[in-house]
Amino acid sequence: LPEDVLVELLSLLPARHLICTCRLVCTQWRYVVDLTTLWKRKCQREGFYIQNLDRSISDWKIFYMLCSLKRNLIKNPCAEENFQHWKLDKNEGDKWKIENLPGPHGKGMLDPKVHKYFVTSYGPCFKSQLITLKKEGYWNQLMDEKRPEIVVKDWYAARFDCGCRYELTVRLLSEDYIVLEEFHPEPVVIEQWNDAVWQEISHTFQNYPAGVRYIWFQHGGQDTQFWAGWYGIRVTNTSITIGP
């Protein structure tokens, strides 16, 4: 078959089949599977192609892989599965609770798909997730050589009638759980009689050291007036994405 026809046909196949099977068929197929045009065609087919990025992409195969893998790596970000997938590191006061938006003396979110949030109490409440990158499809060589951007986002809000405190820590960890890079901003303290508006906090890890194998995410806080019940910080719609 002519090369252009072969590119068109092979671009219909899943990436795993191309790399693990088709590449081994013969010299010609190996050559075609390694062509930039094939991976660019797959990007076009699956809606990943952006014309104004054309010249800035050095490796279309890696670009395709990152696009196809991209998703929220945080599980149960909006409390739809109770506390499943979260480790409750600190659960003091009247403990973590889940409430429906907008909640008492609260406001709704702009995203209509978010219906619930986690809320803290008068004692310290922190919860975390540990993401194993290899389990999520991000192989070691990819993370070490390409070091794709890691984007962290979280949403938090207070209730109108009580002050509270919000804290966030995100760590990039090595195979031996050594901290290679960390994002730990100053705690956010919200005063009583606030506007109760949901706020987004965001951070992008770039040019981090080689050797990242895990991402550890932790957030939480408490109210600042020590009222019994659930008057502390509210959190939801957390996300960690790895992009090209």
Protein backbone atom coordinates (compact mmCIF):
# COMPACT_ATOMS: atom_id res chain seq x y z
CA LEU A 1 0.00 0.00 0.00
CA PRO A 2 1.17 3.59 -0.64
CA GLU A 3 2.49 5.36 2.43
CA ASP A 4 -0.33 7.93 2.60
CA VAL A 5 -2.98 5.18 2.44
CA LEU A 6 -1.20 3.20 5.14
CA VAL A 7 -1.03 6.31 7.35
CA GLU A 8 -4.77 6.84 6.91
CA LEU A 9 -5.61 3.21 7.75
CA LEU A 10 -3.25 2.83 10.71
CA SER A 11 -4.38 6.12 12.22
CA LEU A 12 -7.75 4.45 12.85
CA LEU A 13 -6.20 1.96 15.27
CA PRO A 14 -5.71 2.45 19.04
CA ALA A 15 -2.27 3.75 20.03
CA ARG A 16 -1.48 0.64 22.07
CA HIS A 17 -2.03 -1.61 19.03
CA LEU A 18 0.13 0.62 16.87
CA ILE A 19 3.08 0.55 19.25
CA CYS A 20 2.83 -3.02 20.59
CA THR A 21 1.62 -4.87 17.47
CA CYS A 22 1.67 -2.96 14.17
CA ARG A 23 5.22 -1.72 14.66
CA LEU A 24 6.42 -5.34 14.74
CA VAL A 25 4.76 -6.44 11.49
CA CYS A 26 7.47 -5.32 9.05
CA THR A 27 10.02 -2.60 8.36
CA GLN A 28 7.54 -0.51 6.37
CA TRP A 29 4.88 -0.59 9.10
CA ARG A 30 7.48 0.30 11.74
CA TYR A 31 8.55 3.27 9.65
CA VAL A 32 4.95 4.44 9.18
CA VAL A 33 4.04 4.03 12.87
CA ASP A 34 7.01 6.26 13.75
CA LEU A 35 5.99 8.97 11.28
CA THR A 36 4.99 12.38 12.64
CA THR A 37 2.19 12.51 10.03
CA LEU A 38 0.48 9.42 11.47
CA TRP A 39 0.30 10.83 15.02
CA LYS A 40 -0.75 14.24 13.75
CA ARG A 41 -3.53 12.51 11.80
CA LYS A 42 -4.66 10.70 14.97
CA CYS A 43 -4.76 14.04 16.77
CA GLN A 44 -6.93 15.45 13.98
CA ARG A 45 -9.28 12.45 14.10
CA GLU A 46 -9.78 12.69 17.86
CA GLY A 47 -10.05 16.46 18.16
CA PHE A 48 -6.64 17.12 19.73
CA TYR A 49 -5.21 19.06 16.80
CA ILE A 50 -4.89 22.84 17.21
CA GLN A 51 -3.46 24.56 14.16
CA ASN A 52 -1.74 27.44 15.96
CA LEU A 53 0.20 24.90 18.09
CA ASP A 54 1.49 23.04 15.03
CA ARG A 55 5.02 24.46 15.01
CA SER A 56 5.47 24.35 18.78
CA ILE A 57 4.89 20.59 19.10
CA SER A 58 8.17 18.69 18.81
CA ASP A 59 6.80 15.17 19.30
CA TRP A 60 3.31 14.46 18.00
CA LYS A 61 3.27 10.92 19.38
CA ILE A 62 3.88 12.15 22.95
CA PHE A 63 1.43 15.01 22.39
CA TYR A 64 -1.23 12.49 21.32
CA MET A 65 -0.51 10.25 24.33
CA LEU A 66 -0.79 13.14 26.78
CA CYS A 67 -4.04 14.35 25.20
CA SER A 68 -5.60 10.89 25.26
CA LEU A 69 -4.56 10.32 28.90
CA LYS A 70 -5.69 13.73 30.12
CA ARG A 71 -8.42 13.58 32.77
CA ASN A 72 -8.96 14.47 36.40
CA LEU A 73 -6.69 12.22 38.47
CA ILE A 74 -8.51 13.10 41.70
CA LYS A 75 -11.21 10.54 42.39
CA ASN A 76 -14.54 11.58 43.90
CA PRO A 77 -13.73 15.32 43.74
CA CYS A 78 -17.29 16.53 44.40
CA ALA A 79 -18.40 14.21 47.24
CA GLU A 80 -20.74 12.18 45.04
CA GLU A 81 -19.31 8.94 46.47
CA ASN A 82 -19.33 9.96 50.12
CA PHE A 83 -15.67 9.86 51.33
CA GLN A 84 -14.59 7.05 49.01
CA HIS A 85 -10.98 7.40 47.71
CA TRP A 86 -10.14 10.02 50.36
CA LYS A 87 -7.94 9.38 53.39
CA LEU A 88 -9.14 11.37 56.41
CA ASP A 89 -5.83 12.50 57.89
CA LYS A 90 -7.43 14.67 60.60
CA ASN A 91 -11.09 14.43 61.52
CA GLU A 92 -11.60 16.45 64.67
CA GLY A 93 -14.41 18.54 66.16
CA ASP A 94 -17.68 17.21 64.78
CA LYS A 95 -15.67 15.71 61.89
CA TRP A 96 -15.95 16.04 58.11
CA LYS A 97 -19.43 16.17 56.63
CA ILE A 98 -20.95 16.29 53.15
CA GLU A 99 -23.64 18.86 52.31
CA ASN A 100 -25.64 19.82 49.24
CA LEU A 101 -25.02 23.11 47.47
CA PRO A 102 -25.60 25.93 48.24
CA GLY A 103 -25.74 24.80 51.89
CA PRO A 104 -26.70 26.88 54.95
CA HIS A 105 -25.73 30.55 54.45
CA GLY A 106 -23.83 29.58 51.29
CA LYS A 107 -23.88 30.22 47.57
CA GLY A 108 -24.02 27.98 44.53
CA MET A 109 -21.16 27.35 42.12
CA LEU A 110 -20.94 28.46 38.51
CA ASP A 111 -20.46 24.84 37.40
CA PRO A 112 -23.94 23.27 37.27
CA LYS A 113 -22.43 19.76 37.42
CA VAL A 114 -21.23 20.29 41.01
CA HIS A 115 -23.96 19.47 43.53
CA LYS A 116 -22.15 18.66 46.78
CA TYR A 117 -19.17 19.73 48.88
CA PHE A 118 -17.12 18.55 51.85
CA VAL A 119 -17.31 20.75 54.95
CA THR A 120 -15.04 20.96 58.02
CA SER A 121 -15.84 21.46 61.70
CA TYR A 122 -14.36 23.37 64.67
CA GLY A 123 -11.38 20.99 64.97
CA PRO A 124 -8.73 20.46 62.28
CA CYS A 125 -10.10 18.47 59.34
CA PHE A 126 -7.73 17.37 56.55
CA LYS A 127 -8.11 14.75 53.82
CA SER A 128 -5.76 13.53 51.12
CA GLN A 129 -5.21 11.38 48.05
CA LEU A 130 -2.03 9.76 46.77
CA ILE A 131 -1.85 9.42 42.98
CA THR A 132 0.43 6.72 41.55
CA LEU A 133 1.37 8.03 38.10
CA LYS A 134 2.28 4.67 36.55
CA LYS A 135 -1.16 3.27 37.50
CA GLU A 136 -2.75 6.24 35.72
CA GLY A 137 -0.80 5.53 32.50
CA TYR A 138 2.08 7.98 32.91
CA TRP A 139 5.22 5.92 32.46
CA ASN A 140 8.54 6.84 34.09
CA GLN A 141 10.39 7.87 30.92
CA LEU A 142 7.56 10.22 29.97
CA MET A 143 7.64 11.99 33.34
CA ASP A 144 11.45 12.17 33.43
CA GLU A 145 12.12 13.31 29.86
CA LYS A 146 9.05 15.32 28.86
CA ARG A 147 8.01 16.54 32.33
CA PRO A 148 4.51 17.57 31.24
CA GLU A 149 2.75 20.32 33.16
CA ILE A 150 0.88 19.20 36.27
CA VAL A 151 -2.09 21.49 36.95
CA VAL A 152 -3.74 21.51 40.38
CA LYS A 153 -7.08 23.24 41.06
CA ASP A 154 -9.30 23.39 44.11
CA TRP A 155 -12.42 25.33 45.09
CA TYR A 156 -13.20 26.58 48.58
CA ALA A 157 -15.79 28.78 50.29
CA ALA A 158 -16.94 29.88 53.74
CA ARG A 159 -20.46 30.23 55.00
CA PHE A 160 -21.63 33.82 55.46
CA ASP A 161 -22.01 33.76 59.24
CA CYS A 162 -18.73 32.19 60.39
CA GLY A 163 -15.01 32.72 59.84
CA CYS A 164 -12.82 29.82 58.76
CA ARG A 165 -9.39 28.74 57.56
CA TYR A 166 -8.39 26.89 54.37
CA GLU A 167 -5.10 25.06 53.75
CA LEU A 168 -3.66 23.22 50.74
CA THR A 169 -0.52 21.14 50.23
CA VAL A 170 0.50 19.36 47.02
CA ARG A 171 3.74 17.39 46.78
CA LEU A 172 5.52 15.71 43.87
CA LEU A 173 7.15 12.58 45.30
CA SER A 174 9.90 10.22 44.16
CA GLU A 175 9.78 6.41 44.14
CA ASP A 176 10.93 6.52 47.78
CA TYR A 177 8.38 9.23 48.70
CA ILE A 178 11.01 11.97 48.88
CA VAL A 179 9.51 15.43 48.24
CA LEU A 180 10.90 16.73 44.92
CA GLU A 181 8.68 19.80 44.72
CA GLU A 182 5.89 21.26 46.87
CA PHE A 183 3.09 23.79 46.60
CA HIS A 184 2.02 24.97 50.05
CA PRO A 185 0.62 28.51 49.98
CA GLU A 186 -0.10 30.55 53.08
CA PRO A 187 -3.37 29.48 54.75
CA VAL A 188 -6.40 31.49 53.66
CA VAL A 189 -8.30 33.00 56.60
CA ILE A 190 -11.85 34.19 55.82
CA GLU A 191 -13.55 36.51 58.27
CA GLN A 192 -17.09 36.25 59.61
CA TRP A 193 -19.80 38.04 57.58
CA ASN A 194 -18.07 37.32 54.27
CA ASP A 195 -19.66 37.06 50.81
CA ALA A 196 -19.63 33.20 50.84
CA VAL A 197 -18.48 33.18 47.20
CA TRP A 198 -16.61 30.12 45.93
CA GLN A 199 -12.95 30.80 45.13
CA GLU A 200 -10.59 28.80 42.93
CA ILE A 201 -6.95 28.21 43.79
CA SER A 202 -4.68 26.94 41.01
CA HIS A 203 -1.04 25.99 40.59
CA THR A 204 0.97 24.59 37.67
CA PHE A 205 4.11 22.53 38.25
CA GLN A 206 6.63 23.10 35.45
CA ASN A 207 10.27 22.09 34.94
CA TYR A 208 10.18 19.95 38.06
CA PRO A 209 13.02 17.48 38.83
CA ALA A 210 13.14 14.08 37.16
CA GLY A 211 11.95 11.13 39.22
CA VAL A 212 8.35 12.14 40.01
CA ARG A 213 6.33 8.95 40.61
CA TYR A 214 3.52 10.12 42.92
CA ILE A 215 1.42 13.21 43.53
CA TRP A 216 0.16 13.77 47.08
CA PHE A 217 -2.75 16.17 47.52
CA GLN A 218 -4.12 17.36 50.86
CA HIS A 219 -6.61 20.09 51.77
CA GLY A 220 -8.86 21.10 54.63
CA GLY A 221 -9.08 23.47 57.56
CA GLN A 222 -11.61 24.41 60.25
CA ASP A 223 -13.80 27.24 61.48
CA THR A 224 -12.11 30.01 63.46
CA GLN A 225 -14.84 30.52 66.04
CA PHE A 226 -15.00 26.98 67.45
CA TRP A 227 -18.74 26.55 66.98
CA ALA A 228 -20.14 23.04 67.31
CA GLY A 229 -21.37 21.70 64.00
CA TRP A 230 -20.08 22.35 60.48
CA TYR A 231 -19.18 26.00 60.17
CA GLY A 232 -15.68 25.52 58.72
CA ILE A 233 -14.25 25.75 55.23
CA ARG A 234 -16.07 24.04 52.37
CA VAL A 235 -14.18 22.32 49.52
CA THR A 236 -15.20 20.67 46.25
CA ASN A 237 -14.45 20.28 42.52
CA THR A 238 -10.79 19.42 43.11
CA SER A 239 -8.72 18.45 40.06
CA ILE A 240 -5.23 17.38 39.07
CA THR A 241 -4.54 17.09 35.35
CA ILE A 242 -1.39 16.36 33.38
CA GLY A 243 -1.33 18.03 30.01
CA PRO A 244 0.86 18.51 26.96
